[in-house]
Amino acid sequence: MVYLPYSDDVRQPEADTSFTGLSHPKADAKQVEAAEQLLTKLNLGAFASSDIANPTLQRHYQVGLGHLGLTLQWLIGTWLGIA
């Protein structure tokens, strides 16, 4: 399975020569026109990738902040002599 990056996942594959190779082929005019037509057809309208939250980060925040809240609650209770 290939995981697609979210908007907060910045990758630069062009900087890795083992990924891109040392030579970069150039597209001819026909290939450029075909790519432009394809991108025109792929227009999703009002969709924005930032509308979808990264589930891994959401889980991290849920667990991490929940633990932090419980820890602070325990510390305050201990400090006040409630626990």
N, C-alpha and C. Protein backbone atom coordinates (compact mmCIF):
# COMPACT_ATOMS: atom_id res chain seq x y z
N MET A 1 0.84 -1.16 0.00
CA MET A 1 0.00 0.00 0.00
C MET A 1 0.89 1.24 0.00
N VAL A 2 0.54 2.21 -0.80
CA VAL A 2 1.27 3.46 -0.86
C VAL A 2 0.45 4.52 -0.14
N TYR A 3 1.02 5.09 0.90
CA TYR A 3 0.34 6.14 1.65
C TYR A 3 0.57 7.47 0.96
N LEU A 4 -0.50 8.18 0.66
CA LEU A 4 -0.39 9.48 0.03
C LEU A 4 -0.09 10.54 1.08
N PRO A 5 0.72 11.51 0.75
CA PRO A 5 1.05 12.54 1.72
C PRO A 5 -0.11 13.50 1.95
N TYR A 6 -0.20 14.04 3.14
CA TYR A 6 -1.17 15.08 3.45
C TYR A 6 -0.51 16.44 3.25
N SER A 7 -1.28 17.50 3.40
CA SER A 7 -0.75 18.84 3.13
C SER A 7 0.40 19.21 4.06
N ASP A 8 0.47 18.59 5.24
CA ASP A 8 1.55 18.91 6.18
C ASP A 8 2.78 18.01 5.99
N ASP A 9 2.71 17.09 5.06
CA ASP A 9 3.81 16.17 4.79
C ASP A 9 4.57 16.66 3.55
N VAL A 10 5.67 17.35 3.78
CA VAL A 10 6.42 17.95 2.68
C VAL A 10 7.53 17.00 2.27
N ARG A 11 7.54 16.65 0.99
CA ARG A 11 8.57 15.77 0.46
C ARG A 11 9.24 16.44 -0.73
N GLN A 12 10.50 16.14 -0.92
CA GLN A 12 11.24 16.70 -2.05
C GLN A 12 11.96 15.56 -2.77
N PRO A 13 11.23 14.76 -3.56
CA PRO A 13 11.88 13.63 -4.22
C PRO A 13 12.88 14.06 -5.28
N GLU A 14 12.73 15.27 -5.82
CA GLU A 14 13.68 15.73 -6.85
C GLU A 14 15.07 15.95 -6.28
N ALA A 15 15.20 16.07 -4.98
CA ALA A 15 16.51 16.26 -4.36
C ALA A 15 17.26 14.93 -4.17
N ASP A 16 16.55 13.82 -4.28
CA ASP A 16 17.15 12.50 -4.10
C ASP A 16 17.49 11.90 -5.46
N THR A 17 18.77 11.83 -5.80
CA THR A 17 19.17 11.33 -7.12
C THR A 17 18.91 9.84 -7.26
N SER A 18 18.83 9.09 -6.16
CA SER A 18 18.51 7.66 -6.28
C SER A 18 17.05 7.47 -6.67
N PHE A 19 16.21 8.47 -6.39
CA PHE A 19 14.79 8.40 -6.75
C PHE A 19 14.57 8.89 -8.18
N THR A 20 15.19 9.99 -8.53
CA THR A 20 14.94 10.60 -9.83
C THR A 20 15.97 10.22 -10.89
N GLY A 21 17.14 9.76 -10.48
CA GLY A 21 18.19 9.46 -11.44
C GLY A 21 19.01 10.71 -11.72
N LEU A 22 20.08 10.53 -12.45
CA LEU A 22 20.96 11.67 -12.73
C LEU A 22 20.51 12.48 -13.93
N SER A 23 19.81 11.86 -14.85
CA SER A 23 19.35 12.60 -16.03
C SER A 23 17.84 12.81 -15.94
N HIS A 24 17.40 13.94 -16.43
CA HIS A 24 15.99 14.28 -16.41
C HIS A 24 15.50 14.38 -17.85
N PRO A 25 14.61 13.48 -18.28
CA PRO A 25 14.12 13.55 -19.66
C PRO A 25 13.22 14.77 -19.85
N LYS A 26 13.25 15.35 -21.01
CA LYS A 26 12.43 16.51 -21.33
C LYS A 26 11.19 16.06 -22.10
N ALA A 27 10.05 16.63 -21.80
CA ALA A 27 8.81 16.30 -22.50
C ALA A 27 8.73 17.11 -23.79
N ASP A 28 8.20 16.47 -24.82
CA ASP A 28 8.01 17.21 -26.07
C ASP A 28 6.66 17.93 -26.02
N ALA A 29 6.36 18.72 -27.03
CA ALA A 29 5.15 19.55 -27.04
C ALA A 29 3.88 18.72 -26.96
N LYS A 30 3.87 17.55 -27.59
CA LYS A 30 2.69 16.69 -27.57
C LYS A 30 2.42 16.17 -26.15
N GLN A 31 3.47 15.78 -25.45
CA GLN A 31 3.31 15.29 -24.08
C GLN A 31 2.85 16.40 -23.14
N VAL A 32 3.38 17.60 -23.34
CA VAL A 32 2.97 18.74 -22.50
C VAL A 32 1.50 19.05 -22.72
N GLU A 33 1.06 19.03 -23.97
CA GLU A 33 -0.35 19.32 -24.28
C GLU A 33 -1.25 18.24 -23.68
N ALA A 34 -0.84 16.97 -23.78
CA ALA A 34 -1.63 15.88 -23.19
C ALA A 34 -1.73 16.03 -21.68
N ALA A 35 -0.63 16.42 -21.02
CA ALA A 35 -0.64 16.62 -19.57
C ALA A 35 -1.55 17.79 -19.18
N GLU A 36 -1.52 18.87 -19.96
CA GLU A 36 -2.38 20.01 -19.68
C GLU A 36 -3.85 19.63 -19.80
N GLN A 37 -4.20 18.84 -20.82
CA GLN A 37 -5.58 18.39 -20.98
C GLN A 37 -6.01 17.49 -19.83
N LEU A 38 -5.12 16.62 -19.41
CA LEU A 38 -5.42 15.73 -18.28
C LEU A 38 -5.67 16.53 -17.01
N LEU A 39 -4.82 17.50 -16.73
CA LEU A 39 -4.99 18.32 -15.52
C LEU A 39 -6.26 19.15 -15.58
N THR A 40 -6.64 19.58 -16.77
CA THR A 40 -7.89 20.33 -16.92
C THR A 40 -9.08 19.44 -16.58
N LYS A 41 -9.03 18.18 -16.98
CA LYS A 41 -10.12 17.23 -16.70
C LYS A 41 -10.16 16.83 -15.22
N LEU A 42 -9.04 16.92 -14.52
CA LEU A 42 -8.97 16.51 -13.12
C LEU A 42 -9.39 17.60 -12.14
N ASN A 43 -9.89 18.71 -12.60
CA ASN A 43 -10.29 19.81 -11.73
C ASN A 43 -11.41 19.33 -10.81
N LEU A 44 -11.23 19.45 -9.51
CA LEU A 44 -12.20 18.98 -8.54
C LEU A 44 -13.07 20.09 -7.97
N GLY A 45 -13.02 21.25 -8.55
CA GLY A 45 -13.89 22.35 -8.11
C GLY A 45 -13.47 22.94 -6.78
N ALA A 46 -14.38 22.92 -5.82
CA ALA A 46 -14.16 23.58 -4.53
C ALA A 46 -13.40 22.69 -3.55
N PHE A 47 -12.92 21.52 -3.96
CA PHE A 47 -12.20 20.63 -3.06
C PHE A 47 -10.84 21.20 -2.71
N ALA A 48 -10.48 21.12 -1.46
CA ALA A 48 -9.15 21.53 -1.00
C ALA A 48 -8.59 20.40 -0.13
N SER A 49 -7.34 20.03 -0.37
CA SER A 49 -6.74 18.95 0.41
C SER A 49 -6.64 19.29 1.89
N SER A 50 -6.64 20.56 2.21
CA SER A 50 -6.56 20.96 3.63
C SER A 50 -7.87 20.71 4.36
N ASP A 51 -8.95 20.37 3.64
CA ASP A 51 -10.24 20.06 4.28
C ASP A 51 -10.21 18.70 4.98
N ILE A 52 -9.25 17.85 4.63
CA ILE A 52 -9.16 16.51 5.20
C ILE A 52 -7.99 16.48 6.17
N ALA A 53 -8.30 16.18 7.41
CA ALA A 53 -7.26 16.16 8.45
C ALA A 53 -6.43 14.89 8.34
N ASN A 54 -5.19 14.99 8.72
CA ASN A 54 -4.28 13.85 8.73
C ASN A 54 -4.67 12.94 9.90
N PRO A 55 -5.14 11.71 9.62
CA PRO A 55 -5.61 10.86 10.72
C PRO A 55 -4.51 10.46 11.70
N THR A 56 -3.28 10.36 11.23
CA THR A 56 -2.18 10.02 12.13
C THR A 56 -1.95 11.14 13.13
N LEU A 57 -1.95 12.39 12.65
CA LEU A 57 -1.77 13.51 13.57
C LEU A 57 -2.97 13.67 14.50
N GLN A 58 -4.17 13.42 14.00
CA GLN A 58 -5.35 13.54 14.85
C GLN A 58 -5.29 12.52 15.99
N ARG A 59 -4.84 11.31 15.70
CA ARG A 59 -4.70 10.28 16.74
C ARG A 59 -3.61 10.68 17.74
N HIS A 60 -2.51 11.24 17.23
CA HIS A 60 -1.43 11.69 18.10
C HIS A 60 -1.94 12.76 19.06
N TYR A 61 -2.66 13.73 18.53
CA TYR A 61 -3.18 14.80 19.38
C TYR A 61 -4.19 14.26 20.39
N GLN A 62 -5.03 13.32 19.95
CA GLN A 62 -6.04 12.76 20.83
C GLN A 62 -5.40 12.03 22.01
N VAL A 63 -4.44 11.18 21.73
CA VAL A 63 -3.79 10.40 22.78
C VAL A 63 -2.86 11.29 23.61
N GLY A 64 -2.04 12.10 22.93
CA GLY A 64 -1.06 12.93 23.63
C GLY A 64 -1.70 13.97 24.53
N LEU A 65 -2.70 14.68 24.02
CA LEU A 65 -3.34 15.70 24.83
C LEU A 65 -4.21 15.09 25.93
N GLY A 66 -4.79 13.92 25.65
CA GLY A 66 -5.56 13.23 26.70
C GLY A 66 -4.65 12.83 27.85
N HIS A 67 -3.47 12.31 27.52
CA HIS A 67 -2.51 11.92 28.56
C HIS A 67 -2.03 13.15 29.32
N LEU A 68 -1.77 14.23 28.59
CA LEU A 68 -1.32 15.46 29.24
C LEU A 68 -2.39 15.98 30.20
N GLY A 69 -3.65 15.93 29.77
CA GLY A 69 -4.74 16.38 30.64
C GLY A 69 -4.86 15.54 31.90
N LEU A 70 -4.73 14.23 31.76
CA LEU A 70 -4.81 13.36 32.94
C LEU A 70 -3.62 13.57 33.86
N THR A 71 -2.45 13.79 33.28
CA THR A 71 -1.26 14.03 34.10
C THR A 71 -1.39 15.33 34.87
N LEU A 72 -1.86 16.38 34.19
CA LEU A 72 -2.03 17.67 34.88
C LEU A 72 -3.09 17.57 35.98
N GLN A 73 -4.17 16.83 35.69
CA GLN A 73 -5.21 16.66 36.69
C GLN A 73 -4.65 15.94 37.91
N TRP A 74 -3.84 14.91 37.71
CA TRP A 74 -3.23 14.17 38.81
C TRP A 74 -2.27 15.06 39.60
N LEU A 75 -1.44 15.84 38.87
CA LEU A 75 -0.48 16.72 39.55
C LEU A 75 -1.18 17.78 40.39
N ILE A 76 -2.22 18.37 39.85
CA ILE A 76 -2.95 19.41 40.59
C ILE A 76 -3.64 18.78 41.80
N GLY A 77 -4.24 17.59 41.58
CA GLY A 77 -4.89 16.91 42.72
C GLY A 77 -3.91 16.55 43.81
N THR A 78 -2.72 16.12 43.43
CA THR A 78 -1.69 15.77 44.40
C THR A 78 -1.20 17.01 45.14
N TRP A 79 -1.02 18.08 44.39
CA TRP A 79 -0.53 19.33 44.98
C TRP A 79 -1.54 19.91 45.96
N LEU A 80 -2.83 19.79 45.64
CA LEU A 80 -3.87 20.32 46.53
C LEU A 80 -4.25 19.33 47.61
N GLY A 81 -3.73 18.11 47.56
CA GLY A 81 -4.03 17.11 48.57
C GLY A 81 -5.38 16.46 48.36
N ILE A 82 -5.92 16.49 47.14
CA ILE A 82 -7.24 15.92 46.86
C ILE A 82 -7.11 14.42 46.56
N ALA A 83 -6.03 14.04 45.88
CA ALA A 83 -5.92 12.65 45.42
C ALA A 83 -5.48 11.71 46.52
